[in-house]
Amino acid sequence: MINEALLVASLFFPRISLLVAYVSGLIPFNTVPFIGDFALTVLFPRVLMLIYIYQNQGIDGWFVIHLIFLLIFWGGGSSATISKAND
């Protein structure tokens, strides 16, 4: 079972909450090798949280909430600007 504080904190601060969980020993059971844990924590922490939730709880409410946040943050953030030079 995943600690509820980790689930809530990882919605808003996934990388920081995973690092705190590693230090405090609250990482849930998973089959991801350590190098995969480290790489995903650095590069894609929301994907790692989805893996943890799926392996421990299956597709439930927390999985769906984290998936929605993943889609919002990956789809909503863009650095592209609209140029009005041709007007």
PDB file of N, CA and C in Angstrom:
ATOM      1  N   MET A   1       0.848  -1.191   0.000  1.00  0.00           N
ATOM      2  CA  MET A   1       0.000   0.000   0.000  1.00  0.00           C
ATOM      3  C   MET A   1       0.885   1.242   0.000  1.00  0.00           C
ATOM      4  N   ILE A   2       0.483   2.217  -0.749  1.00  0.00           N
ATOM      5  CA  ILE A   2       1.241   3.449  -0.853  1.00  0.00           C
ATOM      6  C   ILE A   2       0.735   4.437   0.194  1.00  0.00           C
ATOM      7  N   ASN A   3       1.678   5.115   0.823  1.00  0.00           N
ATOM      8  CA  ASN A   3       1.357   6.128   1.816  1.00  0.00           C
ATOM      9  C   ASN A   3       0.541   7.253   1.153  1.00  0.00           C
ATOM     10  N   GLU A   4      -0.570   7.634   1.769  1.00  0.00           N
ATOM     11  CA  GLU A   4      -1.426   8.656   1.182  1.00  0.00           C
ATOM     12  C   GLU A   4      -0.747  10.020   1.093  1.00  0.00           C
ATOM     13  N   ALA A   5       0.119  10.327   2.031  1.00  0.00           N
ATOM     14  CA  ALA A   5       0.848  11.593   1.975  1.00  0.00           C
ATOM     15  C   ALA A   5       1.731  11.646   0.734  1.00  0.00           C
ATOM     16  N   LEU A   6       2.336  10.515   0.371  1.00  0.00           N
ATOM     17  CA  LEU A   6       3.148  10.455  -0.851  1.00  0.00           C
ATOM     18  C   LEU A   6       2.280  10.658  -2.083  1.00  0.00           C
ATOM     19  N   LEU A   7       1.099  10.080  -2.083  1.00  0.00           N
ATOM     20  CA  LEU A   7       0.203  10.229  -3.231  1.00  0.00           C
ATOM     21  C   LEU A   7      -0.228  11.674  -3.419  1.00  0.00           C
ATOM     22  N   VAL A   8      -0.568  12.344  -2.343  1.00  0.00           N
ATOM     23  CA  VAL A   8      -1.014  13.739  -2.438  1.00  0.00           C
ATOM     24  C   VAL A   8       0.151  14.657  -2.799  1.00  0.00           C
ATOM     25  N   ALA A   9       1.287  14.488  -2.129  1.00  0.00           N
ATOM     26  CA  ALA A   9       2.443  15.356  -2.393  1.00  0.00           C
ATOM     27  C   ALA A   9       2.957  15.186  -3.815  1.00  0.00           C
ATOM     28  N   SER A  10       2.902  13.975  -4.334  1.00  0.00           N
ATOM     29  CA  SER A  10       3.427  13.745  -5.673  1.00  0.00           C
ATOM     30  C   SER A  10       2.532  14.322  -6.773  1.00  0.00           C
ATOM     31  N   LEU A  11       1.316  14.702  -6.433  1.00  0.00           N
ATOM     32  CA  LEU A  11       0.488  15.392  -7.420  1.00  0.00           C
ATOM     33  C   LEU A  11       1.058  16.762  -7.761  1.00  0.00           C
ATOM     34  N   PHE A  12       1.598  17.442  -6.757  1.00  0.00           N
ATOM     35  CA  PHE A  12       2.056  18.816  -6.941  1.00  0.00           C
ATOM     36  C   PHE A  12       3.573  18.929  -7.047  1.00  0.00           C
ATOM     37  N   PHE A  13       4.298  18.078  -6.331  1.00  0.00           N
ATOM     38  CA  PHE A  13       5.760  18.114  -6.321  1.00  0.00           C
ATOM     39  C   PHE A  13       6.292  16.689  -6.477  1.00  0.00           C
ATOM     40  N   PRO A  14       6.157  16.076  -7.650  1.00  0.00           N
ATOM     41  CA  PRO A  14       6.493  14.653  -7.777  1.00  0.00           C
ATOM     42  C   PRO A  14       7.966  14.342  -7.521  1.00  0.00           C
ATOM     43  N   ARG A  15       8.866  15.143  -8.049  1.00  0.00           N
ATOM     44  CA  ARG A  15      10.291  14.852  -7.899  1.00  0.00           C
ATOM     45  C   ARG A  15      10.732  14.990  -6.443  1.00  0.00           C
ATOM     46  N   ILE A  16      10.304  16.063  -5.804  1.00  0.00           N
ATOM     47  CA  ILE A  16      10.679  16.295  -4.405  1.00  0.00           C
ATOM     48  C   ILE A  16      10.073  15.218  -3.506  1.00  0.00           C
ATOM     49  N   SER A  17       8.822  14.887  -3.720  1.00  0.00           N
ATOM     50  CA  SER A  17       8.177  13.886  -2.865  1.00  0.00           C
ATOM     51  C   SER A  17       8.808  12.504  -3.040  1.00  0.00           C
ATOM     52  N   LEU A  18       9.237  12.162  -4.256  1.00  0.00           N
ATOM     53  CA  LEU A  18       9.910  10.882  -4.450  1.00  0.00           C
ATOM     54  C   LEU A  18      11.274  10.862  -3.765  1.00  0.00           C
ATOM     55  N   LEU A  19      11.995  11.969  -3.839  1.00  0.00           N
ATOM     56  CA  LEU A  19      13.296  12.028  -3.160  1.00  0.00           C
ATOM     57  C   LEU A  19      13.134  11.915  -1.645  1.00  0.00           C
ATOM     58  N   VAL A  20      12.129  12.582  -1.094  1.00  0.00           N
ATOM     59  CA  VAL A  20      11.861  12.465   0.346  1.00  0.00           C
ATOM     60  C   VAL A  20      11.460  11.029   0.698  1.00  0.00           C
ATOM     61  N   ALA A  21      10.673  10.399  -0.157  1.00  0.00           N
ATOM     62  CA  ALA A  21      10.262   9.020   0.091  1.00  0.00           C
ATOM     63  C   ALA A  21      11.458   8.071   0.054  1.00  0.00           C
ATOM     64  N   TYR A  22      12.402   8.299  -0.862  1.00  0.00           N
ATOM     65  CA  TYR A  22      13.603   7.461  -0.907  1.00  0.00           C
ATOM     66  C   TYR A  22      14.404   7.584   0.381  1.00  0.00           C
ATOM     67  N   VAL A  23      14.590   8.821   0.832  1.00  0.00           N
ATOM     68  CA  VAL A  23      15.393   9.063   2.035  1.00  0.00           C
ATOM     69  C   VAL A  23      14.722   8.468   3.269  1.00  0.00           C
ATOM     70  N   SER A  24      13.404   8.589   3.355  1.00  0.00           N
ATOM     71  CA  SER A  24      12.697   8.110   4.544  1.00  0.00           C
ATOM     72  C   SER A  24      12.275   6.645   4.456  1.00  0.00           C
ATOM     73  N   GLY A  25      12.531   5.991   3.329  1.00  0.00           N
ATOM     74  CA  GLY A  25      12.204   4.577   3.187  1.00  0.00           C
ATOM     75  C   GLY A  25      10.739   4.299   2.937  1.00  0.00           C
ATOM     76  N   LEU A  26      10.020   5.234   2.355  1.00  0.00           N
ATOM     77  CA  LEU A  26       8.591   5.063   2.100  1.00  0.00           C
ATOM     78  C   LEU A  26       8.262   4.662   0.661  1.00  0.00           C
ATOM     79  N   ILE A  27       9.262   4.283  -0.098  1.00  0.00           N
ATOM     80  CA  ILE A  27       9.008   3.856  -1.472  1.00  0.00           C
ATOM     81  C   ILE A  27       8.237   2.538  -1.435  1.00  0.00           C
ATOM     82  N   PRO A  28       7.121   2.475  -2.148  1.00  0.00           N
ATOM     83  CA  PRO A  28       6.330   1.241  -2.119  1.00  0.00           C
ATOM     84  C   PRO A  28       7.008   0.106  -2.885  1.00  0.00           C
ATOM     85  N   PHE A  29       6.537  -1.096  -2.658  1.00  0.00           N
ATOM     86  CA  PHE A  29       7.058  -2.258  -3.378  1.00  0.00           C
ATOM     87  C   PHE A  29       6.881  -2.042  -4.871  1.00  0.00           C
ATOM     88  N   ASN A  30       7.931  -2.373  -5.628  1.00  0.00           N
ATOM     89  CA  ASN A  30       7.843  -2.263  -7.083  1.00  0.00           C
ATOM     90  C   ASN A  30       8.846  -3.200  -7.718  1.00  0.00           C
ATOM     91  N   THR A  31       8.694  -3.425  -9.010  1.00  0.00           N
ATOM     92  CA  THR A  31       9.600  -4.303  -9.748  1.00  0.00           C
ATOM     93  C   THR A  31      10.551  -3.518 -10.632  1.00  0.00           C
ATOM     94  N   VAL A  32      10.592  -2.221 -10.489  1.00  0.00           N
ATOM     95  CA  VAL A  32      11.495  -1.380 -11.280  1.00  0.00           C
ATOM     96  C   VAL A  32      12.890  -1.493 -10.676  1.00  0.00           C
ATOM     97  N   PRO A  33      13.908  -1.772 -11.501  1.00  0.00           N
ATOM     98  CA  PRO A  33      15.268  -1.817 -10.951  1.00  0.00           C
ATOM     99  C   PRO A  33      15.707  -0.455 -10.430  1.00  0.00           C
ATOM    100  N   PHE A  34      16.724  -0.443  -9.558  1.00  0.00           N
ATOM    101  CA  PHE A  34      17.153   0.808  -8.924  1.00  0.00           C
ATOM    102  C   PHE A  34      17.554   1.858  -9.953  1.00  0.00           C
ATOM    103  N   ILE A  35      18.251   1.454 -10.998  1.00  0.00           N
ATOM    104  CA  ILE A  35      18.671   2.433 -12.011  1.00  0.00           C
ATOM    105  C   ILE A  35      17.444   3.021 -12.711  1.00  0.00           C
ATOM    106  N   GLY A  36      16.406   2.221 -12.895  1.00  0.00           N
ATOM    107  CA  GLY A  36      15.159   2.723 -13.470  1.00  0.00           C
ATOM    108  C   GLY A  36      14.456   3.679 -12.520  1.00  0.00           C
ATOM    109  N   ASP A  37      14.465   3.346 -11.224  1.00  0.00           N
ATOM    110  CA  ASP A  37      13.908   4.262 -10.225  1.00  0.00           C
ATOM    111  C   ASP A  37      14.615   5.604 -10.270  1.00  0.00           C
ATOM    112  N   PHE A  38      15.941   5.561 -10.306  1.00  0.00           N
ATOM    113  CA  PHE A  38      16.727   6.799 -10.317  1.00  0.00           C
ATOM    114  C   PHE A  38      16.471   7.599 -11.594  1.00  0.00           C
ATOM    115  N   ALA A  39      16.529   6.940 -12.748  1.00  0.00           N
ATOM    116  CA  ALA A  39      16.348   7.642 -14.024  1.00  0.00           C
ATOM    117  C   ALA A  39      14.947   8.232 -14.139  1.00  0.00           C
ATOM    118  N   LEU A  40      13.942   7.475 -13.757  1.00  0.00           N
ATOM    119  CA  LEU A  40      12.574   7.988 -13.852  1.00  0.00           C
ATOM    120  C   LEU A  40      12.307   9.086 -12.837  1.00  0.00           C
ATOM    121  N   THR A  41      12.936   9.013 -11.662  1.00  0.00           N
ATOM    122  CA  THR A  41      12.779  10.093 -10.683  1.00  0.00           C
ATOM    123  C   THR A  41      13.339  11.393 -11.228  1.00  0.00           C
ATOM    124  N   VAL A  42      14.457  11.319 -11.915  1.00  0.00           N
ATOM    125  CA  VAL A  42      15.084  12.522 -12.465  1.00  0.00           C
ATOM    126  C   VAL A  42      14.359  13.008 -13.715  1.00  0.00           C
ATOM    127  N   LEU A  43      13.998  12.095 -14.618  1.00  0.00           N
ATOM    128  CA  LEU A  43      13.460  12.493 -15.922  1.00  0.00           C
ATOM    129  C   LEU A  43      11.929  12.565 -15.971  1.00  0.00           C
ATOM    130  N   PHE A  44      11.258  11.532 -15.476  1.00  0.00           N
ATOM    131  CA  PHE A  44       9.803  11.440 -15.586  1.00  0.00           C
ATOM    132  C   PHE A  44       9.181  10.956 -14.272  1.00  0.00           C
ATOM    133  N   PRO A  45       9.179  11.789 -13.231  1.00  0.00           N
ATOM    134  CA  PRO A  45       8.682  11.323 -11.928  1.00  0.00           C
ATOM    135  C   PRO A  45       7.198  10.976 -11.929  1.00  0.00           C
ATOM    136  N   ARG A  46       6.408  11.646 -12.745  1.00  0.00           N
ATOM    137  CA  ARG A  46       4.970  11.324 -12.788  1.00  0.00           C
ATOM    138  C   ARG A  46       4.729   9.938 -13.377  1.00  0.00           C
ATOM    139  N   VAL A  47       5.524   9.542 -14.339  1.00  0.00           N
ATOM    140  CA  VAL A  47       5.409   8.196 -14.903  1.00  0.00           C
ATOM    141  C   VAL A  47       5.789   7.153 -13.850  1.00  0.00           C
ATOM    142  N   LEU A  48       6.832   7.433 -13.081  1.00  0.00           N
ATOM    143  CA  LEU A  48       7.231   6.509 -12.014  1.00  0.00           C
ATOM    144  C   LEU A  48       6.126   6.366 -10.976  1.00  0.00           C
ATOM    145  N   MET A  49       5.477   7.454 -10.623  1.00  0.00           N
ATOM    146  CA  MET A  49       4.361   7.360  -9.668  1.00  0.00           C
ATOM    147  C   MET A  49       3.221   6.531 -10.245  1.00  0.00           C
ATOM    148  N   LEU A  50       2.951   6.674 -11.538  1.00  0.00           N
ATOM    149  CA  LEU A  50       1.917   5.845 -12.159  1.00  0.00           C
ATOM    150  C   LEU A  50       2.289   4.362 -12.086  1.00  0.00           C
ATOM    151  N   ILE A  51       3.565   4.053 -12.294  1.00  0.00           N
ATOM    152  CA  ILE A  51       4.018   2.660 -12.187  1.00  0.00           C
ATOM    153  C   ILE A  51       3.820   2.148 -10.763  1.00  0.00           C
ATOM    154  N   TYR A  52       4.218   2.935  -9.773  1.00  0.00           N
ATOM    155  CA  TYR A  52       4.047   2.535  -8.368  1.00  0.00           C
ATOM    156  C   TYR A  52       2.572   2.297  -8.041  1.00  0.00           C
ATOM    157  N   ILE A  53       1.728   3.216  -8.450  1.00  0.00           N
ATOM    158  CA  ILE A  53       0.297   3.079  -8.134  1.00  0.00           C
ATOM    159  C   ILE A  53      -0.276   1.850  -8.819  1.00  0.00           C
ATOM    160  N   TYR A  54       0.065   1.650 -10.088  1.00  0.00           N
ATOM    161  CA  TYR A  54      -0.467   0.502 -10.826  1.00  0.00           C
ATOM    162  C   TYR A  54      -0.015  -0.820 -10.205  1.00  0.00           C
ATOM    163  N   GLN A  55       1.254  -0.905  -9.809  1.00  0.00           N
ATOM    164  CA  GLN A  55       1.762  -2.162  -9.258  1.00  0.00           C
ATOM    165  C   GLN A  55       1.222  -2.457  -7.866  1.00  0.00           C
ATOM    166  N   ASN A  56       0.837  -1.434  -7.121  1.00  0.00           N
ATOM    167  CA  ASN A  56       0.377  -1.656  -5.750  1.00  0.00           C
ATOM    168  C   ASN A  56      -1.134  -1.593  -5.585  1.00  0.00           C
ATOM    169  N   GLN A  57      -1.821  -0.807  -6.415  1.00  0.00           N
ATOM    170  CA  GLN A  57      -3.258  -0.635  -6.232  1.00  0.00           C
ATOM    171  C   GLN A  57      -4.061  -0.922  -7.485  1.00  0.00           C
ATOM    172  N   GLY A  58      -3.418  -1.053  -8.619  1.00  0.00           N
ATOM    173  CA  GLY A  58      -4.135  -1.249  -9.862  1.00  0.00           C
ATOM    174  C   GLY A  58      -4.675   0.079 -10.378  1.00  0.00           C
ATOM    175  N   ILE A  59      -5.584  -0.016 -11.302  1.00  0.00           N
ATOM    176  CA  ILE A  59      -6.182   1.201 -11.870  1.00  0.00           C
ATOM    177  C   ILE A  59      -7.352   1.579 -10.976  1.00  0.00           C
ATOM    178  N   ASP A  60      -7.109   2.548 -10.104  1.00  0.00           N
ATOM    179  CA  ASP A  60      -8.134   3.016  -9.178  1.00  0.00           C
ATOM    180  C   ASP A  60      -8.224   4.532  -9.277  1.00  0.00           C
ATOM    181  N   GLY A  61      -8.832   5.151  -8.295  1.00  0.00           N
ATOM    182  CA  GLY A  61      -9.012   6.604  -8.315  1.00  0.00           C
ATOM    183  C   GLY A  61      -7.705   7.365  -8.332  1.00  0.00           C
ATOM    184  N   TRP A  62      -6.714   6.921  -7.517  1.00  0.00           N
ATOM    185  CA  TRP A  62      -5.429   7.619  -7.482  1.00  0.00           C
ATOM    186  C   TRP A  62      -4.713   7.526  -8.815  1.00  0.00           C
ATOM    187  N   PHE A  63      -4.812   6.372  -9.473  1.00  0.00           N
ATOM    188  CA  PHE A  63      -4.176   6.205 -10.779  1.00  0.00           C
ATOM    189  C   PHE A  63      -4.768   7.181 -11.784  1.00  0.00           C
ATOM    190  N   VAL A  64      -6.072   7.284 -11.794  1.00  0.00           N
ATOM    191  CA  VAL A  64      -6.754   8.186 -12.736  1.00  0.00           C
ATOM    192  C   VAL A  64      -6.407   9.641 -12.437  1.00  0.00           C
ATOM    193  N   ILE A  65      -6.383  10.015 -11.171  1.00  0.00           N
ATOM    194  CA  ILE A  65      -6.040  11.397 -10.805  1.00  0.00           C
ATOM    195  C   ILE A  65      -4.619  11.727 -11.247  1.00  0.00           C
ATOM    196  N   HIS A  66      -3.674  10.827 -10.992  1.00  0.00           N
ATOM    197  CA  HIS A  66      -2.294  11.074 -11.399  1.00  0.00           C
ATOM    198  C   HIS A  66      -2.157  11.099 -12.920  1.00  0.00           C
ATOM    199  N   LEU A  67      -2.907  10.269 -13.611  1.00  0.00           N
ATOM    200  CA  LEU A  67      -2.880  10.280 -15.073  1.00  0.00           C
ATOM    201  C   LEU A  67      -3.411  11.603 -15.617  1.00  0.00           C
ATOM    202  N   ILE A  68      -4.475  12.120 -15.018  1.00  0.00           N
ATOM    203  CA  ILE A  68      -5.023  13.412 -15.440  1.00  0.00           C
ATOM    204  C   ILE A  68      -4.007  14.520 -15.212  1.00  0.00           C
ATOM    205  N   PHE A  69      -3.338  14.521 -14.050  1.00  0.00           N
ATOM    206  CA  PHE A  69      -2.308  15.526 -13.778  1.00  0.00           C
ATOM    207  C   PHE A  69      -1.150  15.407 -14.765  1.00  0.00           C
ATOM    208  N   LEU A  70      -0.758  14.169 -15.104  1.00  0.00           N
ATOM    209  CA  LEU A  70       0.305  13.969 -16.078  1.00  0.00           C
ATOM    210  C   LEU A  70      -0.076  14.582 -17.416  1.00  0.00           C
ATOM    211  N   LEU A  71      -1.288  14.321 -17.863  1.00  0.00           N
ATOM    212  CA  LEU A  71      -1.737  14.867 -19.151  1.00  0.00           C
ATOM    213  C   LEU A  71      -1.845  16.385 -19.111  1.00  0.00           C
ATOM    214  N   ILE A  72      -2.289  16.938 -17.999  1.00  0.00           N
ATOM    215  CA  ILE A  72      -2.392  18.395 -17.871  1.00  0.00           C
ATOM    216  C   ILE A  72      -1.019  19.038 -17.933  1.00  0.00           C
ATOM    217  N   PHE A  73      -0.069  18.517 -17.167  1.00  0.00           N
ATOM    218  CA  PHE A  73       1.251  19.132 -17.115  1.00  0.00           C
ATOM    219  C   PHE A  73       2.052  18.898 -18.384  1.00  0.00           C
ATOM    220  N   TRP A  74       1.921  17.732 -19.007  1.00  0.00           N
ATOM    221  CA  TRP A  74       2.664  17.492 -20.242  1.00  0.00           C
ATOM    222  C   TRP A  74       2.007  18.190 -21.428  1.00  0.00           C
ATOM    223  N   GLY A  75       0.693  18.239 -21.450  1.00  0.00           N
ATOM    224  CA  GLY A  75       0.004  18.847 -22.586  1.00  0.00           C
ATOM    225  C   GLY A  75      -0.181  20.345 -22.471  1.00  0.00           C
ATOM    226  N   GLY A  76      -0.215  20.859 -21.252  1.00  0.00           N
ATOM    227  CA  GLY A  76      -0.498  22.269 -21.054  1.00  0.00           C
ATOM    228  C   GLY A  76       0.704  23.165 -21.071  1.00  0.00           C
ATOM    229  N   GLY A  77       1.870  22.639 -20.831  1.00  0.00           N
ATOM    230  CA  GLY A  77       3.059  23.476 -20.777  1.00  0.00           C
ATOM    231  C   GLY A  77       3.726  23.573 -22.116  1.00  0.00           C
ATOM    232  N   SER A  78       3.806  24.754 -22.643  1.00  0.00           N
ATOM    233  CA  SER A  78       4.459  24.969 -23.919  1.00  0.00           C
ATOM    234  C   SER A  78       5.264  26.240 -23.868  1.00  0.00           C
ATOM    235  N   SER A  79       6.413  26.221 -24.481  1.00  0.00           N
ATOM    236  CA  SER A  79       7.240  27.411 -24.514  1.00  0.00           C
ATOM    237  C   SER A  79       7.107  28.147 -25.842  1.00  0.00           C
ATOM    238  N   ALA A  80       6.229  27.667 -26.702  1.00  0.00           N
ATOM    239  CA  ALA A  80       6.043  28.299 -27.996  1.00  0.00           C
ATOM    240  C   ALA A  80       5.255  29.600 -27.830  1.00  0.00           C
ATOM    241  N   THR A  81       5.618  30.585 -28.619  1.00  0.00           N
ATOM    242  CA  THR A  81       4.915  31.864 -28.617  1.00  0.00           C
ATOM    243  C   THR A  81       4.347  32.122 -29.994  1.00  0.00           C
ATOM    244  N   ILE A  82       3.344  32.953 -30.032  1.00  0.00           N
ATOM    245  CA  ILE A  82       2.722  33.315 -31.310  1.00  0.00           C
ATOM    246  C   ILE A  82       3.351  34.607 -31.780  1.00  0.00           C
ATOM    247  N   SER A  83       3.844  34.565 -32.987  1.00  0.00           N
ATOM    248  CA  SER A  83       4.491  35.752 -33.550  1.00  0.00           C
ATOM    249  C   SER A  83       3.468  36.541 -34.355  1.00  0.00           C
ATOM    250  N   LYS A  84       3.439  37.828 -34.165  1.00  0.00           N
ATOM    251  CA  LYS A  84       2.525  38.701 -34.902  1.00  0.00           C
ATOM    252  C   LYS A  84       3.280  39.543 -35.924  1.00  0.00           C
ATOM    253  N   ALA A  85       4.421  39.041 -36.376  1.00  0.00           N
ATOM    254  CA  ALA A  85       5.260  39.790 -37.312  1.00  0.00           C
ATOM    255  C   ALA A  85       4.617  39.897 -38.690  1.00  0.00           C
ATOM    256  N   ASN A  86       3.755  38.978 -39.046  1.00  0.00           N
ATOM    257  CA  ASN A  86       3.155  38.967 -40.384  1.00  0.00           C
ATOM    258  C   ASN A  86       1.859  39.773 -40.463  1.00  0.00           C
ATOM    259  N   ASP A  87       1.446  40.419 -39.410  1.00  0.00           N
ATOM    260  CA  ASP A  87       0.189  41.179 -39.429  1.00  0.00           C
ATOM    261  C   ASP A  87       0.353  42.514 -40.087  1.00  0.00           C
TER     262      ASP A  87
END
